[in-house]
Amino acid sequence: MSISVRAQDAVHGQPAAGVRVRLERVGDGVWIPLAQAETDRQGCVRDWYQPTSDRHTYRLTLNSDHYFTFLGFTTAYPEVAVTFRVLDETRSHQVEVLLSPNSYTAYVAMRE
């Protein structure tokens, strides 16, 4: 199993490169930091975290304020947090996020 993220810039219709991303897992009611990264030219952070066998709740936080401020925009959502559960640890999970200064859309794609 792995967890990856892909961010797309809805304003420019391209991958959102350089978005700072943080991954956490909940444990005993507290968010535990697991990894930090920045999206590559394709807007991806691939296979940056591989839990051993965890059916847990995770949170990915994307720093959209840093990304859009660099491009000259003010954002309504300075951070976009996507909280999701891993229900099948045999599959890889890719969190897809479409970002704009005033909205976002997210979903989790599972693959073999």
Protein backbone atom coordinates (compact mmCIF):
# COMPACT_ATOMS: atom_id res chain seq x y z
CA MET A 1 0.00 0.00 0.00
CA SER A 2 1.07 3.55 -0.63
CA ILE A 3 -0.41 7.03 -0.36
CA SER A 4 0.24 9.63 -3.04
CA VAL A 5 -1.24 13.00 -4.01
CA ARG A 6 -1.82 14.88 -7.27
CA ALA A 7 -2.75 18.56 -7.31
CA GLN A 8 -4.16 20.31 -10.37
CA ASP A 9 -4.40 24.10 -10.86
CA ALA A 10 -7.94 24.86 -12.10
CA VAL A 11 -7.08 28.50 -12.94
CA HIS A 12 -4.32 27.65 -15.39
CA GLY A 13 -5.47 24.16 -16.38
CA GLN A 14 -2.18 22.52 -15.48
CA PRO A 15 -0.49 20.53 -12.72
CA ALA A 16 0.06 22.51 -9.52
CA ALA A 17 3.82 22.26 -9.07
CA GLY A 18 5.39 23.40 -5.81
CA VAL A 19 2.43 22.87 -3.48
CA ARG A 20 3.58 22.05 0.04
CA VAL A 21 1.83 18.93 1.37
CA ARG A 22 1.72 17.41 4.85
CA LEU A 23 0.50 13.90 5.71
CA GLU A 24 -0.79 12.96 9.17
CA ARG A 25 -2.52 9.99 10.75
CA VAL A 26 -4.91 10.07 13.67
CA GLY A 27 -3.89 8.09 16.73
CA ASP A 28 -5.64 8.27 20.10
CA GLY A 29 -7.51 11.39 18.97
CA VAL A 30 -4.32 13.27 18.03
CA TRP A 31 -2.91 13.96 14.54
CA ILE A 32 0.55 12.40 14.18
CA PRO A 33 2.84 13.90 11.50
CA LEU A 34 4.11 11.28 9.04
CA ALA A 35 5.62 13.09 6.04
CA GLN A 36 6.05 16.42 4.27
CA ALA A 37 6.80 17.07 0.62
CA GLU A 38 6.26 19.42 -2.29
CA THR A 39 4.50 18.50 -5.53
CA ASP A 40 6.72 17.95 -8.57
CA ARG A 41 6.28 19.38 -12.09
CA GLN A 42 3.37 17.01 -12.67
CA GLY A 43 1.70 18.20 -9.46
CA CYS A 44 2.45 14.88 -7.77
CA VAL A 45 4.01 13.45 -4.67
CA ARG A 46 4.31 9.78 -5.54
CA ASP A 47 4.70 6.94 -3.10
CA TRP A 48 6.08 9.17 -0.38
CA TYR A 49 4.55 7.22 2.43
CA GLN A 50 4.10 3.48 2.67
CA PRO A 51 2.48 2.30 5.88
CA THR A 52 3.21 -1.24 6.94
CA SER A 53 -0.42 -2.28 7.37
CA ASP A 54 -2.67 0.50 8.52
CA ARG A 55 -6.40 0.83 8.26
CA HIS A 56 -6.39 4.30 9.75
CA THR A 57 -7.77 7.76 9.14
CA TYR A 58 -5.30 10.06 7.39
CA ARG A 59 -5.22 13.77 6.63
CA LEU A 60 -3.43 15.43 3.73
CA THR A 61 -3.05 19.19 4.04
CA LEU A 62 -2.11 21.23 0.98
CA ASN A 63 -0.80 24.77 1.49
CA SER A 64 -2.84 26.47 -1.23
CA ASP A 65 -2.10 29.95 0.17
CA HIS A 66 1.63 29.60 -0.45
CA TYR A 67 1.01 28.26 -3.96
CA PHE A 68 -1.51 30.91 -5.08
CA THR A 69 0.22 33.85 -3.36
CA PHE A 70 3.29 33.07 -5.48
CA LEU A 71 1.02 33.32 -8.55
CA GLY A 72 -0.46 36.67 -7.39
CA PHE A 73 -3.82 35.42 -6.08
CA THR A 74 -5.52 35.72 -2.71
CA THR A 75 -7.15 32.50 -1.54
CA ALA A 76 -10.36 31.81 0.33
CA TYR A 77 -8.85 28.52 1.54
CA PRO A 78 -5.29 29.01 2.80
CA GLU A 79 -5.07 25.27 3.42
CA VAL A 80 -6.99 22.41 1.89
CA ALA A 81 -7.31 19.44 4.23
CA VAL A 82 -8.49 16.10 2.88
CA THR A 83 -9.32 13.55 5.54
CA PHE A 84 -9.80 9.98 4.36
CA ARG A 85 -9.81 6.38 5.59
CA VAL A 86 -7.73 3.52 4.29
CA LEU A 87 -10.21 0.67 4.12
CA ASP A 88 -8.15 -1.73 2.04
CA GLU A 89 -4.44 -1.83 2.83
CA THR A 90 -3.76 -4.03 -0.19
CA ARG A 91 -4.45 -1.12 -2.57
CA SER A 92 -2.61 2.14 -3.23
CA HIS A 93 -4.45 5.39 -2.54
CA GLN A 94 -3.99 8.52 -4.65
CA VAL A 95 -5.63 11.70 -3.39
CA GLU A 96 -6.60 13.93 -6.33
CA VAL A 97 -7.15 17.64 -5.60
CA LEU A 98 -8.31 20.34 -8.03
CA LEU A 99 -7.33 23.75 -6.63
CA SER A 100 -8.49 27.28 -7.37
CA PRO A 101 -8.27 30.42 -5.21
CA ASN A 102 -11.93 30.16 -4.15
CA SER A 103 -12.74 26.45 -4.32
CA TYR A 104 -11.37 22.94 -4.37
CA THR A 105 -12.50 19.42 -5.20
CA ALA A 106 -10.95 16.24 -3.88
CA TYR A 107 -11.37 12.50 -4.22
CA VAL A 108 -9.40 9.36 -3.43
CA ALA A 109 -8.59 6.96 -6.26
CA MET A 110 -7.61 3.41 -5.28
CA ARG A 111 -5.51 1.24 -7.53
CA GLU A 112 -3.88 -2.18 -7.38
